[in-house]
Amino acid sequence: VTFVNNFPPGGPSDLLARSVAAVLQESFKQPFVVENKAGASGNLGAAQVAKATPDGHTVLFGIDTTFTINPHLYPAMPFKPGDLKPVVIMASSGLLLGVNPATGIKTFGDLLSQGRQKTLNFSSAGNGSPGHLASAILSGSTPIRTAHIPYRGNTPAVTAILGGEVDGGILATPGMLPHVQSGKITALAVTSARRSRLAPNLPTVAELGLKSLEQEVLYLVMVPAATPEPVVQALARGITDALQRPEAKERLAQLDLFFEGQTGAAANKRLADMSARYGQIVRATGLKAD
């Protein structure tokens, strides 16, 4: 079985894919391998899976934005959203608003002050990524001016902040927290509805009066739409069971991810609701693929 992760190695969805693959290889007594197929904000990897034989042997491990933001952002997609269906929404995480310490920004008030005076460069994991959307919302709902600098995945976007290539970013919390804890990134807030378990002193954006910036990332598994339901259910059970193991629970906690476990109609509805919300935001902010 090939798990296609549609982002570069090292990101949260890639780490989840590799953790689950190791468990399922043991459970199903057959090889499970992870293949990274990055590009076009996840569209390339998703298209590869959409065109694969629908037998459960080619599975997409990714995040919701390929299905909830990209269709509103890209005039042409290499697959139709209906070409794939969810197996399970594994977990969710928030984003973290952070900056390079060299900016001198230490609080959200500092960010407001600097952002009024000059345009701040914010990295993202690519066009249509959560960070791209979040930066557009931030610029649209505050006096802060940001310029979007897209990278090929969350890990390179975080590295850009560390290296001072950009001023900051609003990126997946799991990739940001280790550098916050080492003092290499200054954290200002999280976009999740609840505070981070690993950084409980950080305010949520809602606490700062920016409820519109509240945002989460869903880590999900998808298969070609024609995949037989018994195969989908077997995969869902295997992945859910893998995530319930003590070592997997600890891994989720280390990444500041919250277990979800939604399947079937519930998973479809959650993705549809997110897509409707993000579509409104894309239209309201005039978000473009840079």
C-alpha atoms as a PDB file:
ATOM      1  CA  VAL A   1       0.000   0.000   0.000  1.00  0.00           C
ATOM      2  CA  THR A   2       1.332   3.436  -0.921  1.00  0.00           C
ATOM      3  CA  PHE A   3       0.494   6.411   1.275  1.00  0.00           C
ATOM      4  CA  VAL A   4       0.882   9.479  -0.935  1.00  0.00           C
ATOM      5  CA  ASN A   5       1.651  12.546   1.180  1.00  0.00           C
ATOM      6  CA  ASN A   6       1.043  15.603  -1.000  1.00  0.00           C
ATOM      7  CA  PHE A   7       3.519  17.822   0.852  1.00  0.00           C
ATOM      8  CA  PRO A   8       7.310  17.648   1.370  1.00  0.00           C
ATOM      9  CA  PRO A   9       8.873  15.374   4.018  1.00  0.00           C
ATOM     10  CA  GLY A  10       9.043  16.567   7.605  1.00  0.00           C
ATOM     11  CA  GLY A  11       5.652  18.262   7.907  1.00  0.00           C
ATOM     12  CA  PRO A  12       2.942  17.117  10.356  1.00  0.00           C
ATOM     13  CA  SER A  13       0.938  15.168   7.738  1.00  0.00           C
ATOM     14  CA  ASP A  14       4.116  13.387   6.598  1.00  0.00           C
ATOM     15  CA  LEU A  15       5.028  12.463  10.180  1.00  0.00           C
ATOM     16  CA  LEU A  16       1.499  11.122  10.758  1.00  0.00           C
ATOM     17  CA  ALA A  17       1.646   9.085   7.543  1.00  0.00           C
ATOM     18  CA  ARG A  18       4.928   7.470   8.553  1.00  0.00           C
ATOM     19  CA  SER A  19       3.725   6.692  12.076  1.00  0.00           C
ATOM     20  CA  VAL A  20       0.512   5.080  10.807  1.00  0.00           C
ATOM     21  CA  ALA A  21       2.304   3.183   8.010  1.00  0.00           C
ATOM     22  CA  ALA A  22       4.630   1.531  10.526  1.00  0.00           C
ATOM     23  CA  VAL A  23       1.691   0.264  12.593  1.00  0.00           C
ATOM     24  CA  LEU A  24      -0.417  -0.912   9.631  1.00  0.00           C
ATOM     25  CA  GLN A  25       2.522  -2.787   8.132  1.00  0.00           C
ATOM     26  CA  GLU A  26       2.576  -4.827  11.316  1.00  0.00           C
ATOM     27  CA  SER A  27      -1.230  -5.178  11.543  1.00  0.00           C
ATOM     28  CA  PHE A  28      -1.942  -6.089   7.900  1.00  0.00           C
ATOM     29  CA  LYS A  29       1.285  -8.092   7.379  1.00  0.00           C
ATOM     30  CA  GLN A  30       2.111  -6.297   4.126  1.00  0.00           C
ATOM     31  CA  PRO A  31       4.336  -3.363   3.119  1.00  0.00           C
ATOM     32  CA  PHE A  32       3.079   0.197   3.641  1.00  0.00           C
ATOM     33  CA  VAL A  33       5.293   2.891   2.140  1.00  0.00           C
ATOM     34  CA  VAL A  34       5.082   6.687   2.165  1.00  0.00           C
ATOM     35  CA  GLU A  35       5.687   8.610  -1.061  1.00  0.00           C
ATOM     36  CA  ASN A  36       5.965  12.415  -1.002  1.00  0.00           C
ATOM     37  CA  LYS A  37       4.360  14.034  -4.029  1.00  0.00           C
ATOM     38  CA  ALA A  38       4.460  17.775  -3.349  1.00  0.00           C
ATOM     39  CA  GLY A  39       3.476  20.605  -5.670  1.00  0.00           C
ATOM     40  CA  ALA A  40       0.635  22.980  -6.569  1.00  0.00           C
ATOM     41  CA  SER A  41      -0.487  23.265  -2.917  1.00  0.00           C
ATOM     42  CA  GLY A  42      -1.192  19.558  -2.662  1.00  0.00           C
ATOM     43  CA  ASN A  43      -3.021  19.282  -5.989  1.00  0.00           C
ATOM     44  CA  LEU A  44      -0.384  17.072  -7.664  1.00  0.00           C
ATOM     45  CA  GLY A  45      -0.405  14.374  -5.004  1.00  0.00           C
ATOM     46  CA  ALA A  46      -4.193  14.433  -4.755  1.00  0.00           C
ATOM     47  CA  ALA A  47      -4.493  14.082  -8.541  1.00  0.00           C
ATOM     48  CA  GLN A  48      -2.162  11.069  -8.464  1.00  0.00           C
ATOM     49  CA  VAL A  49      -4.408   9.311  -5.959  1.00  0.00           C
ATOM     50  CA  ALA A  50      -7.618  10.382  -7.730  1.00  0.00           C
ATOM     51  CA  LYS A  51      -6.404   8.657 -10.915  1.00  0.00           C
ATOM     52  CA  ALA A  52      -5.171   5.511  -9.150  1.00  0.00           C
ATOM     53  CA  THR A  53      -6.919   2.139  -9.219  1.00  0.00           C
ATOM     54  CA  PRO A  54      -9.667   2.323  -6.540  1.00  0.00           C
ATOM     55  CA  ASP A  55      -8.616  -0.763  -4.591  1.00  0.00           C
ATOM     56  CA  GLY A  56      -7.237   0.734  -1.372  1.00  0.00           C
ATOM     57  CA  HIS A  57      -3.608   0.345  -2.428  1.00  0.00           C
ATOM     58  CA  THR A  58      -3.047   4.046  -3.172  1.00  0.00           C
ATOM     59  CA  VAL A  59      -4.123   6.351  -0.330  1.00  0.00           C
ATOM     60  CA  LEU A  60      -3.777  10.100   0.180  1.00  0.00           C
ATOM     61  CA  PHE A  61      -2.459  11.430   3.502  1.00  0.00           C
ATOM     62  CA  GLY A  62      -2.848  15.211   3.530  1.00  0.00           C
ATOM     63  CA  ILE A  63      -4.684  18.206   4.921  1.00  0.00           C
ATOM     64  CA  ASP A  64      -8.093  19.693   4.235  1.00  0.00           C
ATOM     65  CA  THR A  65      -6.973  22.742   2.240  1.00  0.00           C
ATOM     66  CA  THR A  66      -6.533  20.729  -0.960  1.00  0.00           C
ATOM     67  CA  PHE A  67     -10.314  20.258  -0.853  1.00  0.00           C
ATOM     68  CA  THR A  68     -11.540  23.272   1.132  1.00  0.00           C
ATOM     69  CA  ILE A  69      -9.430  26.164  -0.240  1.00  0.00           C
ATOM     70  CA  ASN A  70      -7.834  25.103  -3.537  1.00  0.00           C
ATOM     71  CA  PRO A  71     -11.116  24.699  -5.468  1.00  0.00           C
ATOM     72  CA  HIS A  72     -11.916  28.363  -4.700  1.00  0.00           C
ATOM     73  CA  LEU A  73      -8.404  29.567  -5.514  1.00  0.00           C
ATOM     74  CA  TYR A  74      -7.344  27.711  -8.650  1.00  0.00           C
ATOM     75  CA  PRO A  75      -9.314  28.336 -11.869  1.00  0.00           C
ATOM     76  CA  ALA A  76      -8.437  24.812 -13.025  1.00  0.00           C
ATOM     77  CA  MET A  77      -7.798  21.753 -10.874  1.00  0.00           C
ATOM     78  CA  PRO A  78      -6.105  18.511 -12.013  1.00  0.00           C
ATOM     79  CA  PHE A  79      -8.915  16.534 -10.360  1.00  0.00           C
ATOM     80  CA  LYS A  80     -12.517  17.103  -9.269  1.00  0.00           C
ATOM     81  CA  PRO A  81     -13.200  17.176  -5.511  1.00  0.00           C
ATOM     82  CA  GLY A  82     -15.720  14.378  -6.087  1.00  0.00           C
ATOM     83  CA  ASP A  83     -12.945  12.126  -7.439  1.00  0.00           C
ATOM     84  CA  LEU A  84     -11.864  11.411  -3.852  1.00  0.00           C
ATOM     85  CA  LYS A  85     -13.707  10.550  -0.659  1.00  0.00           C
ATOM     86  CA  PRO A  86     -12.642  10.647   2.983  1.00  0.00           C
ATOM     87  CA  VAL A  87     -11.545   7.567   4.871  1.00  0.00           C
ATOM     88  CA  VAL A  88     -11.056   9.388   8.182  1.00  0.00           C
ATOM     89  CA  ILE A  89     -10.262  12.816   9.563  1.00  0.00           C
ATOM     90  CA  MET A  90      -7.395  11.790  11.810  1.00  0.00           C
ATOM     91  CA  ALA A  91      -6.583  14.919  13.787  1.00  0.00           C
ATOM     92  CA  SER A  92      -6.674  18.699  13.898  1.00  0.00           C
ATOM     93  CA  SER A  93      -4.307  21.463  14.910  1.00  0.00           C
ATOM     94  CA  GLY A  94      -4.291  25.217  15.022  1.00  0.00           C
ATOM     95  CA  LEU A  95      -1.845  27.626  13.458  1.00  0.00           C
ATOM     96  CA  LEU A  96       0.698  29.713  15.315  1.00  0.00           C
ATOM     97  CA  LEU A  97       1.409  33.361  14.589  1.00  0.00           C
ATOM     98  CA  GLY A  98       5.146  33.814  15.043  1.00  0.00           C
ATOM     99  CA  VAL A  99       7.968  36.126  13.991  1.00  0.00           C
ATOM    100  CA  ASN A 100      11.750  36.133  13.807  1.00  0.00           C
ATOM    101  CA  PRO A 101      13.148  37.687  17.034  1.00  0.00           C
ATOM    102  CA  ALA A 102      15.299  40.052  14.946  1.00  0.00           C
ATOM    103  CA  THR A 103      12.116  41.958  14.025  1.00  0.00           C
ATOM    104  CA  GLY A 104      11.947  43.234  17.603  1.00  0.00           C
ATOM    105  CA  ILE A 105       8.283  42.218  17.744  1.00  0.00           C
ATOM    106  CA  LYS A 106       7.417  40.688  21.100  1.00  0.00           C
ATOM    107  CA  THR A 107       3.637  41.116  21.342  1.00  0.00           C
ATOM    108  CA  PHE A 108       0.635  41.367  19.062  1.00  0.00           C
ATOM    109  CA  GLY A 109       0.606  45.090  19.852  1.00  0.00           C
ATOM    110  CA  ASP A 110       4.151  45.344  18.485  1.00  0.00           C
ATOM    111  CA  LEU A 111       3.010  43.544  15.346  1.00  0.00           C
ATOM    112  CA  LEU A 112       0.196  46.034  14.890  1.00  0.00           C
ATOM    113  CA  SER A 113       2.586  48.937  15.312  1.00  0.00           C
ATOM    114  CA  GLN A 114       5.165  47.634  12.823  1.00  0.00           C
ATOM    115  CA  GLY A 115       2.549  46.409  10.374  1.00  0.00           C
ATOM    116  CA  ARG A 116       1.053  49.886  10.136  1.00  0.00           C
ATOM    117  CA  GLN A 117       4.415  51.413   9.288  1.00  0.00           C
ATOM    118  CA  LYS A 118       5.685  48.887   6.743  1.00  0.00           C
ATOM    119  CA  THR A 119       4.719  45.743   4.874  1.00  0.00           C
ATOM    120  CA  LEU A 120       5.759  42.569   6.680  1.00  0.00           C
ATOM    121  CA  ASN A 121       6.796  39.509   4.682  1.00  0.00           C
ATOM    122  CA  PHE A 122       4.908  36.386   5.815  1.00  0.00           C
ATOM    123  CA  SER A 123       5.812  32.905   4.612  1.00  0.00           C
ATOM    124  CA  SER A 124       3.292  30.174   3.913  1.00  0.00           C
ATOM    125  CA  ALA A 125       3.321  26.521   2.924  1.00  0.00           C
ATOM    126  CA  GLY A 126       2.167  27.535  -0.563  1.00  0.00           C
ATOM    127  CA  ASN A 127      -0.750  29.013  -2.430  1.00  0.00           C
ATOM    128  CA  GLY A 128      -4.027  28.067  -0.817  1.00  0.00           C
ATOM    129  CA  SER A 129      -2.344  26.835   2.360  1.00  0.00           C
ATOM    130  CA  PRO A 130      -3.780  27.702   5.791  1.00  0.00           C
ATOM    131  CA  GLY A 131      -1.015  30.288   6.297  1.00  0.00           C
ATOM    132  CA  HIS A 132      -1.813  31.974   2.983  1.00  0.00           C
ATOM    133  CA  LEU A 133      -5.471  32.303   3.964  1.00  0.00           C
ATOM    134  CA  ALA A 134      -4.614  33.416   7.497  1.00  0.00           C
ATOM    135  CA  SER A 135      -2.249  36.151   6.282  1.00  0.00           C
ATOM    136  CA  ALA A 136      -4.960  37.464   3.958  1.00  0.00           C
ATOM    137  CA  ILE A 137      -7.481  37.524   6.806  1.00  0.00           C
ATOM    138  CA  LEU A 138      -4.966  39.294   9.065  1.00  0.00           C
ATOM    139  CA  SER A 139      -4.365  42.000   6.451  1.00  0.00           C
ATOM    140  CA  GLY A 140      -8.077  42.314   5.758  1.00  0.00           C
ATOM    141  CA  SER A 141      -9.217  42.646   9.357  1.00  0.00           C
ATOM    142  CA  THR A 142      -6.401  44.746  10.886  1.00  0.00           C
ATOM    143  CA  PRO A 143      -4.153  47.647   9.801  1.00  0.00           C
ATOM    144  CA  ILE A 144      -1.297  45.135   9.421  1.00  0.00           C
ATOM    145  CA  ARG A 145       0.079  44.935   5.872  1.00  0.00           C
ATOM    146  CA  THR A 146       1.576  41.595   4.855  1.00  0.00           C
ATOM    147  CA  ALA A 147       3.195  40.326   1.661  1.00  0.00           C
ATOM    148  CA  HIS A 148       2.646  36.636   0.951  1.00  0.00           C
ATOM    149  CA  ILE A 149       5.835  34.642   0.281  1.00  0.00           C
ATOM    150  CA  PRO A 150       4.886  31.048  -0.682  1.00  0.00           C
ATOM    151  CA  TYR A 151       7.174  28.062  -0.044  1.00  0.00           C
ATOM    152  CA  ARG A 152       6.857  24.397  -0.932  1.00  0.00           C
ATOM    153  CA  GLY A 153       5.486  23.110   2.353  1.00  0.00           C
ATOM    154  CA  ASN A 154       5.249  23.992   6.037  1.00  0.00           C
ATOM    155  CA  THR A 155       8.821  22.984   6.907  1.00  0.00           C
ATOM    156  CA  PRO A 156      10.487  25.319   4.337  1.00  0.00           C
ATOM    157  CA  ALA A 157       8.110  28.118   5.399  1.00  0.00           C
ATOM    158  CA  VAL A 158       9.199  27.730   9.032  1.00  0.00           C
ATOM    159  CA  THR A 159      12.863  27.568   7.952  1.00  0.00           C
ATOM    160  CA  ALA A 160      12.378  30.898   6.148  1.00  0.00           C
ATOM    161  CA  ILE A 161      11.347  32.526   9.434  1.00  0.00           C
ATOM    162  CA  LEU A 162      14.304  30.971  11.256  1.00  0.00           C
ATOM    163  CA  GLY A 163      16.728  32.241   8.617  1.00  0.00           C
ATOM    164  CA  GLY A 164      15.294  35.746   8.497  1.00  0.00           C
ATOM    165  CA  GLU A 165      14.193  35.391   4.864  1.00  0.00           C
ATOM    166  CA  VAL A 166      10.772  36.614   6.018  1.00  0.00           C
ATOM    167  CA  ASP A 167       9.515  38.496   9.069  1.00  0.00           C
ATOM    168  CA  GLY A 168       7.063  35.853  10.222  1.00  0.00           C
ATOM    169  CA  GLY A 169       4.162  33.623   9.356  1.00  0.00           C
ATOM    170  CA  ILE A 170       0.969  31.960  10.535  1.00  0.00           C
ATOM    171  CA  LEU A 171       1.885  28.308  10.174  1.00  0.00           C
ATOM    172  CA  ALA A 172       0.904  24.887  11.501  1.00  0.00           C
ATOM    173  CA  THR A 173       1.570  24.872  15.240  1.00  0.00           C
ATOM    174  CA  PRO A 174       3.405  21.483  15.283  1.00  0.00           C
ATOM    175  CA  GLY A 175       6.150  22.825  13.025  1.00  0.00           C
ATOM    176  CA  MET A 176       6.535  26.105  14.910  1.00  0.00           C
ATOM    177  CA  LEU A 177       6.505  25.054  18.568  1.00  0.00           C
ATOM    178  CA  PRO A 178       9.969  23.445  18.810  1.00  0.00           C
ATOM    179  CA  HIS A 179      11.524  26.708  17.583  1.00  0.00           C
ATOM    180  CA  VAL A 180       9.345  28.775  19.906  1.00  0.00           C
ATOM    181  CA  GLN A 181      10.508  26.645  22.812  1.00  0.00           C
ATOM    182  CA  SER A 182      14.168  27.115  21.792  1.00  0.00           C
ATOM    183  CA  GLY A 183      13.715  30.902  21.501  1.00  0.00           C
ATOM    184  CA  LYS A 184      14.348  31.025  17.744  1.00  0.00           C
ATOM    185  CA  ILE A 185      10.781  32.155  16.938  1.00  0.00           C
ATOM    186  CA  THR A 186       8.720  34.627  18.959  1.00  0.00           C
ATOM    187  CA  ALA A 187       5.150  33.356  19.291  1.00  0.00           C
ATOM    188  CA  LEU A 188       2.304  35.853  19.481  1.00  0.00           C
ATOM    189  CA  ALA A 189      -0.931  33.821  19.328  1.00  0.00           C
ATOM    190  CA  VAL A 190      -2.601  30.613  18.153  1.00  0.00           C
ATOM    191  CA  THR A 191      -5.542  30.437  15.766  1.00  0.00           C
ATOM    192  CA  SER A 192      -7.202  27.432  17.418  1.00  0.00           C
ATOM    193  CA  ALA A 193     -10.417  27.826  19.393  1.00  0.00           C
ATOM    194  CA  ARG A 194      -8.591  26.622  22.518  1.00  0.00           C
ATOM    195  CA  ARG A 195      -5.108  27.368  23.790  1.00  0.00           C
ATOM    196  CA  SER A 196      -2.224  25.100  22.852  1.00  0.00           C
ATOM    197  CA  ARG A 197      -1.533  22.319  25.355  1.00  0.00           C
ATOM    198  CA  LEU A 198       2.201  22.781  24.801  1.00  0.00           C
ATOM    199  CA  ALA A 199       2.185  26.587  25.019  1.00  0.00           C
ATOM    200  CA  PRO A 200      -0.746  27.395  27.335  1.00  0.00           C
ATOM    201  CA  ASN A 201       0.441  30.963  27.966  1.00  0.00           C
ATOM    202  CA  LEU A 202      -0.148  31.950  24.333  1.00  0.00           C
ATOM    203  CA  PRO A 203      -3.471  33.746  23.756  1.00  0.00           C
ATOM    204  CA  THR A 204      -5.892  32.592  21.093  1.00  0.00           C
ATOM    205  CA  VAL A 205      -6.695  35.031  18.280  1.00  0.00           C
ATOM    206  CA  ALA A 206     -10.247  35.231  19.630  1.00  0.00           C
ATOM    207  CA  GLU A 207      -8.851  36.453  22.958  1.00  0.00           C
ATOM    208  CA  LEU A 208      -7.086  39.209  20.996  1.00  0.00           C
ATOM    209  CA  GLY A 209     -10.371  40.250  19.397  1.00  0.00           C
ATOM    210  CA  LEU A 210      -9.649  38.531  16.052  1.00  0.00           C
ATOM    211  CA  LYS A 211     -12.327  35.817  15.979  1.00  0.00           C
ATOM    212  CA  SER A 212     -12.301  35.972  12.159  1.00  0.00           C
ATOM    213  CA  LEU A 213      -8.713  34.617  12.196  1.00  0.00           C
ATOM    214  CA  GLU A 214      -9.728  31.481  14.089  1.00  0.00           C
ATOM    215  CA  GLN A 215      -8.617  28.569  11.931  1.00  0.00           C
ATOM    216  CA  GLU A 216      -7.683  24.896  12.165  1.00  0.00           C
ATOM    217  CA  VAL A 217      -5.968  22.352   9.965  1.00  0.00           C
ATOM    218  CA  LEU A 218      -7.520  18.919   9.471  1.00  0.00           C
ATOM    219  CA  TYR A 219      -5.210  15.977   8.825  1.00  0.00           C
ATOM    220  CA  LEU A 220      -7.103  13.490   6.701  1.00  0.00           C
ATOM    221  CA  VAL A 221      -6.954  10.338   4.636  1.00  0.00           C
ATOM    222  CA  MET A 222      -8.657  10.118   1.219  1.00  0.00           C
ATOM    223  CA  VAL A 223      -9.076   7.407  -1.426  1.00  0.00           C
ATOM    224  CA  PRO A 224     -10.462   7.333  -4.992  1.00  0.00           C
ATOM    225  CA  ALA A 225     -14.250   7.764  -4.882  1.00  0.00           C
ATOM    226  CA  ALA A 226     -14.915   4.343  -6.445  1.00  0.00           C
ATOM    227  CA  THR A 227     -13.038   2.478  -3.694  1.00  0.00           C
ATOM    228  CA  PRO A 228     -15.381  -0.223  -2.280  1.00  0.00           C
ATOM    229  CA  GLU A 229     -16.877   0.656   1.088  1.00  0.00           C
ATOM    230  CA  PRO A 230     -15.561  -2.485   2.873  1.00  0.00           C
ATOM    231  CA  VAL A 231     -12.028  -1.449   1.865  1.00  0.00           C
ATOM    232  CA  VAL A 232     -12.628   2.104   3.091  1.00  0.00           C
ATOM    233  CA  GLN A 233     -13.958   0.820   6.409  1.00  0.00           C
ATOM    234  CA  ALA A 234     -11.028  -1.567   6.869  1.00  0.00           C
ATOM    235  CA  LEU A 235      -8.585   1.296   6.281  1.00  0.00           C
ATOM    236  CA  ALA A 236     -10.531   3.585   8.638  1.00  0.00           C
ATOM    237  CA  ARG A 237     -10.501   0.985  11.402  1.00  0.00           C
ATOM    238  CA  GLY A 238      -6.804   0.261  10.937  1.00  0.00           C
ATOM    239  CA  ILE A 239      -5.813   3.937  10.955  1.00  0.00           C
ATOM    240  CA  THR A 240      -8.067   4.801  13.906  1.00  0.00           C
ATOM    241  CA  ASP A 241      -6.736   1.860  15.906  1.00  0.00           C
ATOM    242  CA  ALA A 242      -3.159   2.897  15.056  1.00  0.00           C
ATOM    243  CA  LEU A 243      -3.834   6.411  16.361  1.00  0.00           C
ATOM    244  CA  GLN A 244      -5.253   5.011  19.609  1.00  0.00           C
ATOM    245  CA  ARG A 245      -2.018   3.231  20.533  1.00  0.00           C
ATOM    246  CA  PRO A 246      -0.131   4.795  23.452  1.00  0.00           C
ATOM    247  CA  GLU A 247       2.894   5.712  21.333  1.00  0.00           C
ATOM    248  CA  ALA A 248       0.638   7.345  18.713  1.00  0.00           C
ATOM    249  CA  LYS A 249      -1.251   9.305  21.372  1.00  0.00           C
ATOM    250  CA  GLU A 250       2.061  10.549  22.707  1.00  0.00           C
ATOM    251  CA  ARG A 251       3.120  11.501  19.169  1.00  0.00           C
ATOM    252  CA  LEU A 252      -0.095  13.478  18.663  1.00  0.00           C
ATOM    253  CA  ALA A 253       0.456  15.266  21.965  1.00  0.00           C
ATOM    254  CA  GLN A 254       4.054  16.114  21.016  1.00  0.00           C
ATOM    255  CA  LEU A 255       2.773  17.641  17.758  1.00  0.00           C
ATOM    256  CA  ASP A 256      -0.044  19.486  19.591  1.00  0.00           C
ATOM    257  CA  LEU A 257      -2.594  17.592  17.498  1.00  0.00           C
ATOM    258  CA  PHE A 258      -6.082  16.688  18.698  1.00  0.00           C
ATOM    259  CA  PHE A 259      -7.490  13.280  17.706  1.00  0.00           C
ATOM    260  CA  GLU A 260     -10.697  13.537  15.649  1.00  0.00           C
ATOM    261  CA  GLY A 261     -11.644  10.147  14.152  1.00  0.00           C
ATOM    262  CA  GLN A 262     -14.539  11.319  11.961  1.00  0.00           C
ATOM    263  CA  THR A 263     -15.577   9.112   9.032  1.00  0.00           C
ATOM    264  CA  GLY A 264     -18.330   8.866   6.422  1.00  0.00           C
ATOM    265  CA  ALA A 265     -21.095  11.458   6.409  1.00  0.00           C
ATOM    266  CA  ALA A 266     -19.669  13.329   9.410  1.00  0.00           C
ATOM    267  CA  ALA A 267     -16.298  13.765   7.681  1.00  0.00           C
ATOM    268  CA  ASN A 268     -17.969  14.864   4.434  1.00  0.00           C
ATOM    269  CA  LYS A 269     -20.099  17.449   6.244  1.00  0.00           C
ATOM    270  CA  ARG A 270     -17.171  18.899   8.147  1.00  0.00           C
ATOM    271  CA  LEU A 271     -15.177  19.340   4.951  1.00  0.00           C
ATOM    272  CA  ALA A 272     -18.184  20.823   3.122  1.00  0.00           C
ATOM    273  CA  ASP A 273     -18.790  23.327   5.934  1.00  0.00           C
ATOM    274  CA  MET A 274     -15.124  24.384   5.915  1.00  0.00           C
ATOM    275  CA  SER A 275     -15.140  24.708   2.138  1.00  0.00           C
ATOM    276  CA  ALA A 276     -18.197  26.974   2.245  1.00  0.00           C
ATOM    277  CA  ARG A 277     -16.573  29.218   4.878  1.00  0.00           C
ATOM    278  CA  TYR A 278     -13.239  29.405   3.074  1.00  0.00           C
ATOM    279  CA  GLY A 279     -14.939  30.113  -0.232  1.00  0.00           C
ATOM    280  CA  GLN A 280     -16.562  33.188   1.312  1.00  0.00           C
ATOM    281  CA  ILE A 281     -13.196  34.317   2.730  1.00  0.00           C
ATOM    282  CA  VAL A 282     -11.380  33.839  -0.596  1.00  0.00           C
ATOM    283  CA  ARG A 283     -14.011  35.943  -2.360  1.00  0.00           C
ATOM    284  CA  ALA A 284     -14.075  38.618   0.361  1.00  0.00           C
ATOM    285  CA  THR A 285     -10.271  38.991   0.564  1.00  0.00           C
ATOM    286  CA  GLY A 286      -9.607  38.625  -3.154  1.00  0.00           C
ATOM    287  CA  LEU A 287      -7.072  35.910  -2.373  1.00  0.00           C
ATOM    288  CA  LYS A 288      -4.937  34.984  -5.378  1.00  0.00           C
ATOM    289  CA  ALA A 289      -2.409  32.273  -6.151  1.00  0.00           C
ATOM    290  CA  ASP A 290       0.916  34.166  -6.101  1.00  0.00           C
END
